[in-house]
Amino acid sequence: MYSDWVGPAIAGFLAVWLLVLSFLIWQQNKFLRLLFPKSGERDIRKKFEEVIKAVEEFKGGLSELENKLRAIKDQGLDHIQRVELVRFNPYDDTGGNISFTACFLDNGGSGVVITSLHARSGTRVFGKEIISGKSKKYQLSKEEELVIKKAMTEN
């Protein structure tokens, strides 16, 4: 009823199965030798304590890195991030848009606005301190207000 190939097929299947099981047991033993070296004690509790201690050290290091990153990010918000330039012609006797207003602001809108007015008789340069998008001491010209508004609306 059974042909001659069924016996060798079953033997071949069992041989492959034994090879797979042998490989898995070899991998398991390799892992256990790595986990429990012969020089140390073979107590699983001590190994778990070592692993937990290492994880806690990594958590502490990660927390420290997060705090440093937060400080760097907060410090970066105080640097110039918003820059804008507007060129214009304030006088009828000069040609072209030679005069300009430039602003250099941090993320909160504080910084400086610089205006250069060019005329045939000479060039005048003005600088004004800006705090939260407004000048506290000096009145802003329409060009200065425009350049501050453009700088604050850009992403």
N, C-alpha and C. Protein backbone atom coordinates (compact mmCIF):
# COMPACT_ATOMS: atom_id res chain seq x y z
N MET A 1 0.80 -1.16 0.00
CA MET A 1 0.00 0.00 0.00
C MET A 1 0.86 1.26 0.00
N TYR A 2 1.84 1.34 0.89
CA TYR A 2 2.77 2.47 0.85
C TYR A 2 3.88 2.15 -0.11
N SER A 3 4.29 3.15 -0.82
CA SER A 3 5.36 2.90 -1.77
C SER A 3 6.71 2.98 -1.05
N ASP A 4 7.75 2.81 -1.79
CA ASP A 4 9.10 2.74 -1.23
C ASP A 4 9.64 4.12 -0.81
N TRP A 5 9.07 5.21 -1.20
CA TRP A 5 9.61 6.54 -0.91
C TRP A 5 9.11 7.14 0.39
N VAL A 6 8.03 6.58 1.00
CA VAL A 6 7.45 7.14 2.22
C VAL A 6 8.42 7.04 3.38
N GLY A 7 9.10 5.95 3.55
CA GLY A 7 10.06 5.77 4.66
C GLY A 7 11.20 6.77 4.57
N PRO A 8 11.88 6.88 3.41
CA PRO A 8 12.96 7.87 3.31
C PRO A 8 12.46 9.30 3.44
N ALA A 9 11.23 9.60 2.99
CA ALA A 9 10.69 10.96 3.11
C ALA A 9 10.48 11.32 4.57
N ILE A 10 9.95 10.40 5.35
CA ILE A 10 9.74 10.64 6.78
C ILE A 10 11.09 10.80 7.47
N ALA A 11 12.05 9.96 7.11
CA ALA A 11 13.39 10.07 7.70
C ALA A 11 14.03 11.42 7.34
N GLY A 12 13.86 11.87 6.11
CA GLY A 12 14.40 13.17 5.69
C GLY A 12 13.74 14.32 6.44
N PHE A 13 12.40 14.25 6.59
CA PHE A 13 11.69 15.28 7.33
C PHE A 13 12.16 15.33 8.78
N LEU A 14 12.32 14.18 9.40
CA LEU A 14 12.79 14.14 10.79
C LEU A 14 14.21 14.68 10.89
N ALA A 15 15.06 14.39 9.90
CA ALA A 15 16.43 14.90 9.92
C ALA A 15 16.44 16.43 9.84
N VAL A 16 15.62 16.99 8.96
CA VAL A 16 15.54 18.45 8.84
C VAL A 16 14.99 19.04 10.14
N TRP A 17 13.98 18.39 10.70
CA TRP A 17 13.39 18.86 11.96
C TRP A 17 14.43 18.84 13.07
N LEU A 18 15.23 17.80 13.16
CA LEU A 18 16.29 17.73 14.16
C LEU A 18 17.35 18.81 13.94
N LEU A 19 17.67 19.10 12.69
CA LEU A 19 18.63 20.16 12.41
C LEU A 19 18.10 21.53 12.85
N VAL A 20 16.83 21.80 12.59
CA VAL A 20 16.23 23.07 13.00
C VAL A 20 16.23 23.17 14.52
N LEU A 21 15.81 22.10 15.20
CA LEU A 21 15.80 22.12 16.67
C LEU A 21 17.20 22.27 17.23
N SER A 22 18.17 21.63 16.63
CA SER A 22 19.56 21.74 17.09
C SER A 22 20.06 23.17 16.94
N PHE A 23 19.73 23.80 15.82
CA PHE A 23 20.15 25.19 15.61
C PHE A 23 19.52 26.11 16.66
N LEU A 24 18.22 25.93 16.94
CA LEU A 24 17.55 26.77 17.93
C LEU A 24 18.14 26.57 19.32
N ILE A 25 18.44 25.33 19.67
CA ILE A 25 19.06 25.07 20.98
C ILE A 25 20.46 25.67 21.04
N TRP A 26 21.20 25.60 19.94
CA TRP A 26 22.54 26.20 19.90
C TRP A 26 22.45 27.73 20.09
N GLN A 27 21.47 28.37 19.45
CA GLN A 27 21.28 29.82 19.60
C GLN A 27 20.91 30.16 21.05
N GLN A 28 20.05 29.35 21.65
CA GLN A 28 19.64 29.58 23.04
C GLN A 28 20.84 29.45 23.97
N ASN A 29 21.64 28.44 23.77
CA ASN A 29 22.84 28.25 24.61
C ASN A 29 23.84 29.39 24.43
N LYS A 30 23.98 29.84 23.22
CA LYS A 30 24.88 30.96 22.93
C LYS A 30 24.41 32.20 23.69
N PHE A 31 23.11 32.48 23.68
CA PHE A 31 22.56 33.62 24.40
C PHE A 31 22.77 33.47 25.90
N LEU A 32 22.53 32.28 26.43
CA LEU A 32 22.70 32.06 27.87
C LEU A 32 24.16 32.19 28.29
N ARG A 33 25.10 31.73 27.44
CA ARG A 33 26.52 31.91 27.76
C ARG A 33 26.90 33.38 27.77
N LEU A 34 26.29 34.15 26.88
CA LEU A 34 26.54 35.59 26.85
C LEU A 34 25.92 36.26 28.08
N LEU A 35 24.73 35.82 28.47
CA LEU A 35 24.04 36.40 29.61
C LEU A 35 24.71 36.02 30.93
N PHE A 36 25.17 34.79 31.04
CA PHE A 36 25.80 34.30 32.25
C PHE A 36 27.19 33.78 31.93
N PRO A 37 28.21 34.63 31.92
CA PRO A 37 29.56 34.14 31.65
C PRO A 37 30.03 33.22 32.77
N LYS A 38 30.94 32.33 32.46
CA LYS A 38 31.40 31.34 33.44
C LYS A 38 32.15 32.00 34.59
N SER A 39 32.75 33.15 34.35
CA SER A 39 33.51 33.79 35.41
C SER A 39 32.62 34.37 36.50
N GLY A 40 31.39 34.75 36.20
CA GLY A 40 30.50 35.37 37.17
C GLY A 40 29.50 34.38 37.73
N GLU A 41 28.67 34.91 38.61
CA GLU A 41 27.64 34.06 39.21
C GLU A 41 26.49 33.90 38.21
N ARG A 42 25.76 32.82 38.37
CA ARG A 42 24.68 32.50 37.46
C ARG A 42 23.32 32.77 38.12
N ASP A 43 23.20 33.94 38.73
CA ASP A 43 21.96 34.29 39.40
C ASP A 43 21.18 35.27 38.51
N ILE A 44 19.99 34.86 38.13
CA ILE A 44 19.18 35.68 37.22
C ILE A 44 18.77 36.99 37.87
N ARG A 45 18.59 36.99 39.18
CA ARG A 45 18.21 38.22 39.88
C ARG A 45 19.30 39.29 39.75
N LYS A 46 20.55 38.87 39.85
CA LYS A 46 21.65 39.83 39.73
C LYS A 46 21.70 40.39 38.31
N LYS A 47 21.45 39.56 37.33
CA LYS A 47 21.44 40.03 35.95
C LYS A 47 20.31 41.03 35.73
N PHE A 48 19.14 40.74 36.28
CA PHE A 48 18.03 41.68 36.15
C PHE A 48 18.35 43.01 36.84
N GLU A 49 18.99 42.94 38.00
CA GLU A 49 19.39 44.17 38.69
C GLU A 49 20.37 44.97 37.85
N GLU A 50 21.32 44.30 37.19
CA GLU A 50 22.27 44.99 36.32
C GLU A 50 21.54 45.66 35.15
N VAL A 51 20.60 44.93 34.57
CA VAL A 51 19.86 45.48 33.43
C VAL A 51 19.02 46.68 33.88
N ILE A 52 18.35 46.58 35.01
CA ILE A 52 17.53 47.68 35.52
C ILE A 52 18.41 48.88 35.84
N LYS A 53 19.58 48.65 36.43
CA LYS A 53 20.50 49.74 36.74
C LYS A 53 20.96 50.44 35.45
N ALA A 54 21.27 49.65 34.42
CA ALA A 54 21.70 50.24 33.14
C ALA A 54 20.57 51.06 32.51
N VAL A 55 19.34 50.54 32.58
CA VAL A 55 18.20 51.28 32.03
C VAL A 55 17.99 52.58 32.79
N GLU A 56 18.11 52.56 34.11
CA GLU A 56 17.96 53.78 34.92
C GLU A 56 19.03 54.80 34.57
N GLU A 57 20.26 54.35 34.34
CA GLU A 57 21.34 55.26 33.95
C GLU A 57 21.03 55.89 32.60
N PHE A 58 20.51 55.10 31.67
CA PHE A 58 20.14 55.65 30.36
C PHE A 58 19.00 56.66 30.49
N LYS A 59 18.04 56.37 31.37
CA LYS A 59 16.94 57.32 31.57
C LYS A 59 17.46 58.63 32.14
N GLY A 60 18.38 58.55 33.10
CA GLY A 60 18.97 59.77 33.67
C GLY A 60 19.73 60.55 32.62
N GLY A 61 20.50 59.85 31.79
CA GLY A 61 21.24 60.52 30.72
C GLY A 61 20.30 61.15 29.71
N LEU A 62 19.22 60.46 29.39
CA LEU A 62 18.23 60.99 28.45
C LEU A 62 17.56 62.24 29.01
N SER A 63 17.23 62.20 30.29
CA SER A 63 16.61 63.36 30.92
C SER A 63 17.56 64.55 30.90
N GLU A 64 18.83 64.30 31.18
CA GLU A 64 19.83 65.37 31.14
C GLU A 64 19.97 65.95 29.73
N LEU A 65 19.97 65.08 28.73
CA LEU A 65 20.04 65.56 27.34
C LEU A 65 18.82 66.38 26.96
N GLU A 66 17.64 65.95 27.41
CA GLU A 66 16.42 66.70 27.12
C GLU A 66 16.48 68.09 27.74
N ASN A 67 16.99 68.19 28.97
CA ASN A 67 17.12 69.50 29.63
C ASN A 67 18.10 70.39 28.88
N LYS A 68 19.22 69.83 28.43
CA LYS A 68 20.20 70.62 27.67
C LYS A 68 19.61 71.07 26.35
N LEU A 69 18.88 70.20 25.67
CA LEU A 69 18.25 70.55 24.40
C LEU A 69 17.22 71.66 24.60
N ARG A 70 16.45 71.58 25.66
CA ARG A 70 15.45 72.61 25.96
C ARG A 70 16.14 73.95 26.21
N ALA A 71 17.27 73.93 26.95
CA ALA A 71 18.01 75.17 27.23
C ALA A 71 18.58 75.76 25.94
N ILE A 72 19.10 74.91 25.07
CA ILE A 72 19.65 75.39 23.79
C ILE A 72 18.54 75.98 22.93
N LYS A 73 17.38 75.33 22.92
CA LYS A 73 16.26 75.83 22.14
C LYS A 73 15.78 77.18 22.67
N ASP A 74 15.68 77.30 24.00
CA ASP A 74 15.26 78.57 24.59
C ASP A 74 16.27 79.67 24.31
N GLN A 75 17.54 79.33 24.37
CA GLN A 75 18.59 80.30 24.09
C GLN A 75 18.55 80.72 22.62
N GLY A 76 18.24 79.79 21.74
CA GLY A 76 18.17 80.09 20.31
C GLY A 76 17.06 81.05 19.96
N LEU A 77 16.01 81.11 20.78
CA LEU A 77 14.91 82.04 20.51
C LEU A 77 15.33 83.48 20.74
N ASP A 78 16.42 83.71 21.47
CA ASP A 78 16.90 85.07 21.73
C ASP A 78 17.82 85.59 20.64
N HIS A 79 18.15 84.78 19.66
CA HIS A 79 19.04 85.22 18.59
C HIS A 79 18.22 85.75 17.41
N ILE A 80 18.90 86.47 16.55
CA ILE A 80 18.22 87.05 15.38
C ILE A 80 17.66 85.94 14.51
N GLN A 81 16.36 86.01 14.30
CA GLN A 81 15.68 85.01 13.48
C GLN A 81 14.83 85.64 12.38
N ARG A 82 14.50 86.88 12.55
CA ARG A 82 13.62 87.55 11.60
C ARG A 82 14.36 88.76 11.02
N VAL A 83 14.65 88.68 9.74
CA VAL A 83 15.39 89.74 9.04
C VAL A 83 14.56 90.16 7.82
N GLU A 84 14.43 91.46 7.66
CA GLU A 84 13.67 91.96 6.52
C GLU A 84 14.29 93.26 6.04
N LEU A 85 14.16 93.54 4.73
CA LEU A 85 14.71 94.73 4.11
C LEU A 85 13.65 95.32 3.19
N VAL A 86 13.47 96.65 3.28
CA VAL A 86 12.57 97.36 2.39
C VAL A 86 13.35 98.53 1.80
N ARG A 87 13.35 98.63 0.47
CA ARG A 87 14.01 99.75 -0.22
C ARG A 87 12.92 100.72 -0.67
N PHE A 88 13.26 102.02 -0.62
CA PHE A 88 12.27 103.03 -0.99
C PHE A 88 12.98 104.31 -1.43
N ASN A 89 12.21 105.25 -1.96
CA ASN A 89 12.71 106.55 -2.41
C ASN A 89 12.00 107.63 -1.60
N PRO A 90 12.66 108.23 -0.58
CA PRO A 90 11.98 109.20 0.28
C PRO A 90 11.92 110.62 -0.30
N TYR A 91 12.79 110.92 -1.25
CA TYR A 91 12.87 112.29 -1.78
C TYR A 91 12.62 112.28 -3.28
N ASP A 92 12.08 113.40 -3.77
CA ASP A 92 11.79 113.52 -5.20
C ASP A 92 13.03 113.82 -6.03
N ASP A 93 14.07 114.36 -5.40
CA ASP A 93 15.24 114.79 -6.16
C ASP A 93 16.27 113.68 -6.37
N THR A 94 16.00 112.47 -5.91
CA THR A 94 16.93 111.35 -6.13
C THR A 94 16.22 110.28 -6.94
N GLY A 95 16.98 109.56 -7.71
CA GLY A 95 16.39 108.51 -8.54
C GLY A 95 16.64 107.14 -7.94
N GLY A 96 15.75 106.24 -8.18
CA GLY A 96 15.91 104.86 -7.72
C GLY A 96 15.58 104.69 -6.24
N ASN A 97 15.47 103.48 -5.84
CA ASN A 97 15.20 103.16 -4.44
C ASN A 97 16.53 102.91 -3.73
N ILE A 98 17.25 103.98 -3.45
CA ILE A 98 18.56 103.85 -2.83
C ILE A 98 18.45 103.78 -1.31
N SER A 99 17.48 104.41 -0.72
CA SER A 99 17.29 104.36 0.73
C SER A 99 16.69 103.01 1.12
N PHE A 100 16.93 102.64 2.37
CA PHE A 100 16.41 101.34 2.82
C PHE A 100 16.14 101.36 4.32
N THR A 101 15.34 100.41 4.73
CA THR A 101 15.10 100.12 6.14
C THR A 101 15.27 98.62 6.32
N ALA A 102 16.08 98.25 7.29
CA ALA A 102 16.30 96.83 7.58
C ALA A 102 16.03 96.59 9.05
N CYS A 103 15.42 95.46 9.35
CA CYS A 103 15.22 95.12 10.76
C CYS A 103 15.81 93.75 11.04
N PHE A 104 16.31 93.60 12.24
CA PHE A 104 16.93 92.37 12.73
C PHE A 104 16.28 92.06 14.07
N LEU A 105 15.39 91.07 14.09
CA LEU A 105 14.59 90.79 15.29
C LEU A 105 14.76 89.34 15.74
N ASP A 106 14.58 89.13 17.04
CA ASP A 106 14.54 87.76 17.54
C ASP A 106 13.13 87.22 17.38
N ASN A 107 12.88 86.04 17.89
CA ASN A 107 11.57 85.41 17.72
C ASN A 107 10.45 86.19 18.40
N GLY A 108 10.77 86.92 19.47
CA GLY A 108 9.77 87.70 20.18
C GLY A 108 9.53 89.08 19.59
N GLY A 109 10.25 89.44 18.54
CA GLY A 109 10.06 90.74 17.90
C GLY A 109 10.91 91.84 18.49
N SER A 110 11.94 91.49 19.25
CA SER A 110 12.84 92.49 19.82
C SER A 110 14.15 92.48 19.05
N GLY A 111 14.72 93.68 18.87
CA GLY A 111 15.97 93.79 18.15
C GLY A 111 16.22 95.22 17.75
N VAL A 112 16.57 95.43 16.48
CA VAL A 112 16.93 96.76 16.01
C VAL A 112 16.41 96.95 14.58
N VAL A 113 16.05 98.21 14.28
CA VAL A 113 15.69 98.58 12.92
C VAL A 113 16.67 99.68 12.50
N ILE A 114 17.23 99.54 11.32
CA ILE A 114 18.21 100.49 10.80
C ILE A 114 17.65 101.09 9.51
N THR A 115 17.68 102.41 9.45
CA THR A 115 17.17 103.12 8.27
C THR A 115 18.28 103.99 7.70
N SER A 116 18.46 103.91 6.40
CA SER A 116 19.42 104.75 5.69
C SER A 116 18.66 105.58 4.68
N LEU A 117 18.75 106.93 4.83
CA LEU A 117 18.08 107.85 3.93
C LEU A 117 19.14 108.51 3.06
N HIS A 118 19.04 108.28 1.77
CA HIS A 118 20.02 108.82 0.83
C HIS A 118 19.41 110.01 0.09
N ALA A 119 20.13 111.13 0.11
CA ALA A 119 19.73 112.34 -0.61
C ALA A 119 20.95 112.87 -1.35
N ARG A 120 20.75 113.87 -2.20
CA ARG A 120 21.88 114.46 -2.94
C ARG A 120 22.88 115.10 -1.98
N SER A 121 22.40 115.63 -0.88
CA SER A 121 23.28 116.30 0.07
C SER A 121 24.03 115.33 0.99
N GLY A 122 23.64 114.08 1.02
CA GLY A 122 24.33 113.10 1.87
C GLY A 122 23.42 111.96 2.27
N THR A 123 23.99 111.10 3.07
CA THR A 123 23.24 109.94 3.55
C THR A 123 23.16 110.00 5.06
N ARG A 124 21.99 109.73 5.59
CA ARG A 124 21.80 109.70 7.05
C ARG A 124 21.37 108.28 7.43
N VAL A 125 21.92 107.81 8.56
CA VAL A 125 21.62 106.47 9.04
C VAL A 125 21.04 106.59 10.45
N PHE A 126 19.93 105.89 10.68
CA PHE A 126 19.26 105.91 11.97
C PHE A 126 19.10 104.48 12.47
N GLY A 127 19.27 104.29 13.75
CA GLY A 127 19.05 103.00 14.37
C GLY A 127 18.09 103.16 15.53
N LYS A 128 17.13 102.25 15.63
CA LYS A 128 16.14 102.32 16.71
C LYS A 128 15.98 100.95 17.34
N GLU A 129 15.90 100.97 18.67
CA GLU A 129 15.69 99.73 19.42
C GLU A 129 14.22 99.33 19.32
N ILE A 130 13.99 98.05 19.10
CA ILE A 130 12.64 97.53 18.98
C ILE A 130 12.43 96.50 20.09
N ILE A 131 11.34 96.64 20.81
CA ILE A 131 10.99 95.69 21.87
C ILE A 131 9.57 95.21 21.60
N SER A 132 9.44 93.93 21.37
CA SER A 132 8.14 93.31 21.06
C SER A 132 7.43 93.99 19.90
N GLY A 133 8.18 94.34 18.87
CA GLY A 133 7.62 94.91 17.66
C GLY A 133 7.32 96.40 17.72
N LYS A 134 7.66 97.05 18.82
CA LYS A 134 7.39 98.48 18.98
C LYS A 134 8.66 99.20 19.42
N SER A 135 8.75 100.50 19.08
CA SER A 135 9.84 101.34 19.55
C SER A 135 9.36 102.09 20.78
N LYS A 136 10.08 102.00 21.87
CA LYS A 136 9.66 102.65 23.12
C LYS A 136 10.08 104.13 23.16
N LYS A 137 11.22 104.47 22.52
CA LYS A 137 11.75 105.83 22.63
C LYS A 137 11.45 106.71 21.43
N TYR A 138 11.46 106.13 20.24
CA TYR A 138 11.38 106.93 19.02
C TYR A 138 10.16 106.53 18.20
N GLN A 139 9.64 107.51 17.47
CA GLN A 139 8.52 107.22 16.59
C GLN A 139 9.05 106.52 15.34
N LEU A 140 8.31 105.52 14.88
CA LEU A 140 8.71 104.76 13.71
C LEU A 140 8.10 105.37 12.45
N SER A 141 8.86 105.36 11.36
CA SER A 141 8.32 105.81 10.08
C SER A 141 7.43 104.71 9.50
N LYS A 142 6.70 105.04 8.45
CA LYS A 142 5.82 104.03 7.84
C LYS A 142 6.63 102.89 7.25
N GLU A 143 7.83 103.19 6.70
CA GLU A 143 8.68 102.13 6.15
C GLU A 143 9.20 101.21 7.26
N GLU A 144 9.56 101.81 8.41
CA GLU A 144 10.04 101.00 9.54
C GLU A 144 8.92 100.12 10.08
N GLU A 145 7.73 100.66 10.19
CA GLU A 145 6.59 99.85 10.63
C GLU A 145 6.31 98.73 9.64
N LEU A 146 6.43 99.04 8.35
CA LEU A 146 6.19 98.03 7.32
C LEU A 146 7.22 96.91 7.40
N VAL A 147 8.49 97.26 7.55
CA VAL A 147 9.53 96.23 7.58
C VAL A 147 9.39 95.36 8.83
N ILE A 148 9.01 95.94 9.95
CA ILE A 148 8.80 95.16 11.18
C ILE A 148 7.61 94.23 11.00
N LYS A 149 6.54 94.75 10.42
CA LYS A 149 5.35 93.93 10.19
C LYS A 149 5.67 92.76 9.27
N LYS A 150 6.42 93.02 8.19
CA LYS A 150 6.78 91.94 7.25
C LYS A 150 7.65 90.90 7.93
N ALA A 151 8.58 91.35 8.77
CA ALA A 151 9.47 90.41 9.46
C ALA A 151 8.70 89.55 10.45
N MET A 152 7.73 90.10 11.12
CA MET A 152 6.98 89.37 12.14
C MET A 152 5.96 88.42 11.52
N THR A 153 5.50 88.70 10.30
CA THR A 153 4.50 87.81 9.70
C THR A 153 5.13 86.66 8.96
N GLU A 154 6.42 86.72 8.64
CA GLU A 154 7.07 85.60 7.96
C GLU A 154 7.32 84.48 8.95
N ASN A 155 7.30 83.25 8.42
CA ASN A 155 7.55 82.08 9.27
C ASN A 155 9.01 81.79 9.37
